[in-house]
Amino acid sequence: MSVETTKMMELWGAVPRGEGKADLWTRIGTAFQNRDGSWNLRLNFFPLDPRTTVQMREPRAAGAE
């Protein structure tokens, strides 16, 4: 018998802050992969700024910066 694990990713929003300034990164939700390979996105925040880039990233270890 095989054990299936659910693939989970973090959703991050990056908003450009202008010339010479670092982008503002905010964790905005979580993504879960379905058995058929599609993804469910659970957003805690919905980016309104059209310049926002949404990225799906591997979860970071607790306490990692």
N, C-alpha and C. Protein backbone atom coordinates (compact mmCIF):
# COMPACT_ATOMS: atom_id res chain seq x y z
N MET A 1 0.85 -1.18 0.00
CA MET A 1 0.00 0.00 0.00
C MET A 1 0.89 1.24 0.00
N SER A 2 0.58 2.20 -0.86
CA SER A 2 1.37 3.43 -0.91
C SER A 2 0.69 4.52 -0.09
N VAL A 3 1.52 5.38 0.44
CA VAL A 3 1.01 6.50 1.22
C VAL A 3 1.11 7.75 0.37
N GLU A 4 -0.03 8.41 0.13
CA GLU A 4 -0.02 9.65 -0.66
C GLU A 4 0.19 10.83 0.27
N THR A 5 1.03 11.74 -0.16
CA THR A 5 1.22 12.96 0.61
C THR A 5 0.70 14.13 -0.21
N THR A 6 0.10 15.07 0.45
CA THR A 6 -0.43 16.24 -0.23
C THR A 6 0.69 17.25 -0.39
N LYS A 7 0.88 17.71 -1.61
CA LYS A 7 1.88 18.73 -1.89
C LYS A 7 1.32 20.07 -1.47
N MET A 8 2.06 20.81 -0.64
CA MET A 8 1.62 22.11 -0.16
C MET A 8 2.66 23.16 -0.52
N MET A 9 2.21 24.33 -0.91
CA MET A 9 3.10 25.44 -1.24
C MET A 9 2.59 26.69 -0.53
N GLU A 10 3.48 27.65 -0.34
CA GLU A 10 3.10 28.95 0.23
C GLU A 10 2.85 29.91 -0.92
N LEU A 11 1.87 30.78 -0.76
CA LEU A 11 1.60 31.83 -1.75
C LEU A 11 2.11 33.16 -1.19
N TRP A 12 2.90 33.85 -2.00
CA TRP A 12 3.49 35.13 -1.60
C TRP A 12 3.15 36.19 -2.64
N GLY A 13 2.91 37.40 -2.17
CA GLY A 13 2.69 38.54 -3.05
C GLY A 13 3.88 39.49 -2.93
N ALA A 14 4.42 39.92 -4.06
CA ALA A 14 5.54 40.86 -4.09
C ALA A 14 5.10 42.13 -4.80
N VAL A 15 5.14 43.26 -4.09
CA VAL A 15 4.74 44.54 -4.65
C VAL A 15 5.98 45.41 -4.81
N PRO A 16 6.25 45.89 -6.04
CA PRO A 16 7.40 46.78 -6.22
C PRO A 16 7.16 48.11 -5.49
N ARG A 17 8.19 48.60 -4.78
CA ARG A 17 8.03 49.84 -4.01
C ARG A 17 8.70 51.04 -4.66
N GLY A 18 9.31 50.85 -5.78
CA GLY A 18 9.92 52.00 -6.45
C GLY A 18 11.41 51.83 -6.61
N GLU A 19 11.97 52.78 -7.33
CA GLU A 19 13.39 52.73 -7.65
C GLU A 19 14.27 52.73 -6.41
N GLY A 20 15.19 51.78 -6.36
CA GLY A 20 16.13 51.72 -5.26
C GLY A 20 15.60 51.09 -3.99
N LYS A 21 14.36 50.65 -3.99
CA LYS A 21 13.77 50.02 -2.80
C LYS A 21 13.45 48.57 -3.10
N ALA A 22 13.60 47.73 -2.09
CA ALA A 22 13.28 46.31 -2.24
C ALA A 22 11.77 46.13 -2.33
N ASP A 23 11.36 45.09 -3.06
CA ASP A 23 9.93 44.77 -3.13
C ASP A 23 9.41 44.42 -1.74
N LEU A 24 8.13 44.64 -1.54
CA LEU A 24 7.47 44.29 -0.28
C LEU A 24 6.84 42.92 -0.46
N TRP A 25 7.31 41.93 0.33
CA TRP A 25 6.83 40.56 0.24
C TRP A 25 5.89 40.28 1.41
N THR A 26 4.73 39.67 1.10
CA THR A 26 3.74 39.31 2.11
C THR A 26 3.21 37.92 1.79
N ARG A 27 3.17 37.06 2.80
CA ARG A 27 2.55 35.75 2.59
C ARG A 27 1.04 35.96 2.53
N ILE A 28 0.44 35.50 1.43
CA ILE A 28 -0.99 35.77 1.23
C ILE A 28 -1.85 34.52 1.24
N GLY A 29 -1.25 33.34 1.36
CA GLY A 29 -2.08 32.14 1.40
C GLY A 29 -1.29 30.85 1.25
N THR A 30 -2.03 29.78 0.94
CA THR A 30 -1.47 28.43 0.82
C THR A 30 -2.10 27.76 -0.39
N ALA A 31 -1.33 26.89 -1.05
CA ALA A 31 -1.83 26.12 -2.19
C ALA A 31 -1.68 24.63 -1.88
N PHE A 32 -2.69 23.84 -2.28
CA PHE A 32 -2.67 22.40 -2.08
C PHE A 32 -2.88 21.72 -3.43
N GLN A 33 -2.03 20.74 -3.73
CA GLN A 33 -2.15 20.03 -5.00
C GLN A 33 -3.17 18.90 -4.88
N ASN A 34 -4.02 18.78 -5.88
CA ASN A 34 -5.03 17.73 -5.96
C ASN A 34 -4.43 16.47 -6.60
N ARG A 35 -5.13 15.37 -6.48
CA ARG A 35 -4.65 14.11 -7.06
C ARG A 35 -4.45 14.18 -8.56
N ASP A 36 -5.23 15.03 -9.24
CA ASP A 36 -5.11 15.13 -10.70
C ASP A 36 -4.04 16.13 -11.14
N GLY A 37 -3.29 16.69 -10.19
CA GLY A 37 -2.21 17.62 -10.52
C GLY A 37 -2.62 19.08 -10.50
N SER A 38 -3.92 19.37 -10.42
CA SER A 38 -4.37 20.76 -10.33
C SER A 38 -4.14 21.28 -8.91
N TRP A 39 -4.34 22.58 -8.70
CA TRP A 39 -4.06 23.21 -7.40
C TRP A 39 -5.28 23.95 -6.88
N ASN A 40 -5.49 23.86 -5.57
CA ASN A 40 -6.47 24.70 -4.87
C ASN A 40 -5.69 25.80 -4.17
N LEU A 41 -6.09 27.05 -4.37
CA LEU A 41 -5.44 28.19 -3.74
C LEU A 41 -6.33 28.73 -2.64
N ARG A 42 -5.80 28.85 -1.44
CA ARG A 42 -6.52 29.41 -0.31
C ARG A 42 -5.87 30.75 0.01
N LEU A 43 -6.54 31.83 -0.37
CA LEU A 43 -5.99 33.17 -0.17
C LEU A 43 -6.50 33.78 1.13
N ASN A 44 -5.57 34.25 1.95
CA ASN A 44 -5.93 35.00 3.16
C ASN A 44 -6.09 36.48 2.84
N PHE A 45 -5.38 36.92 1.82
CA PHE A 45 -5.43 38.30 1.34
C PHE A 45 -5.49 38.26 -0.17
N PHE A 46 -6.21 39.17 -0.76
CA PHE A 46 -6.31 39.25 -2.21
C PHE A 46 -5.59 40.51 -2.67
N PRO A 47 -4.52 40.38 -3.47
CA PRO A 47 -3.77 41.56 -3.89
C PRO A 47 -4.61 42.45 -4.81
N LEU A 48 -4.68 43.72 -4.49
CA LEU A 48 -5.44 44.67 -5.30
C LEU A 48 -4.54 45.49 -6.23
N ASP A 49 -3.29 45.65 -5.87
CA ASP A 49 -2.35 46.41 -6.69
C ASP A 49 -2.02 45.58 -7.93
N PRO A 50 -2.29 46.09 -9.14
CA PRO A 50 -2.05 45.31 -10.36
C PRO A 50 -0.57 45.02 -10.61
N ARG A 51 0.33 45.70 -9.89
CA ARG A 51 1.76 45.43 -10.05
C ARG A 51 2.22 44.23 -9.22
N THR A 52 1.33 43.69 -8.39
CA THR A 52 1.68 42.58 -7.52
C THR A 52 1.95 41.31 -8.31
N THR A 53 3.05 40.65 -8.01
CA THR A 53 3.38 39.35 -8.56
C THR A 53 3.07 38.32 -7.49
N VAL A 54 2.29 37.29 -7.83
CA VAL A 54 1.98 36.22 -6.89
C VAL A 54 2.87 35.03 -7.23
N GLN A 55 3.57 34.52 -6.22
CA GLN A 55 4.47 33.39 -6.42
C GLN A 55 4.08 32.24 -5.50
N MET A 56 4.23 31.02 -6.01
CA MET A 56 4.02 29.81 -5.24
C MET A 56 5.41 29.28 -4.92
N ARG A 57 5.71 29.10 -3.62
CA ARG A 57 7.04 28.67 -3.22
C ARG A 57 6.98 27.52 -2.23
N GLU A 58 8.04 26.74 -2.20
CA GLU A 58 8.16 25.67 -1.21
C GLU A 58 8.08 26.27 0.19
N PRO A 59 7.42 25.59 1.13
CA PRO A 59 7.37 26.10 2.51
C PRO A 59 8.77 26.22 3.11
N ARG A 60 8.98 27.30 3.85
CA ARG A 60 10.26 27.49 4.53
C ARG A 60 10.23 26.77 5.87
N ALA A 61 11.39 26.40 6.34
CA ALA A 61 11.49 25.76 7.65
C ALA A 61 11.09 26.77 8.71
N ALA A 62 10.49 26.31 9.79
CA ALA A 62 10.07 27.21 10.88
C ALA A 62 11.28 27.99 11.39
N GLY A 63 11.12 29.30 11.48
CA GLY A 63 12.17 30.17 11.98
C GLY A 63 13.17 30.60 10.93
N ALA A 64 13.05 30.10 9.69
CA ALA A 64 13.98 30.49 8.62
C ALA A 64 13.60 31.86 8.09
N GLU A 65 14.56 32.66 7.80
CA GLU A 65 14.34 34.00 7.22
C GLU A 65 14.92 34.08 5.85
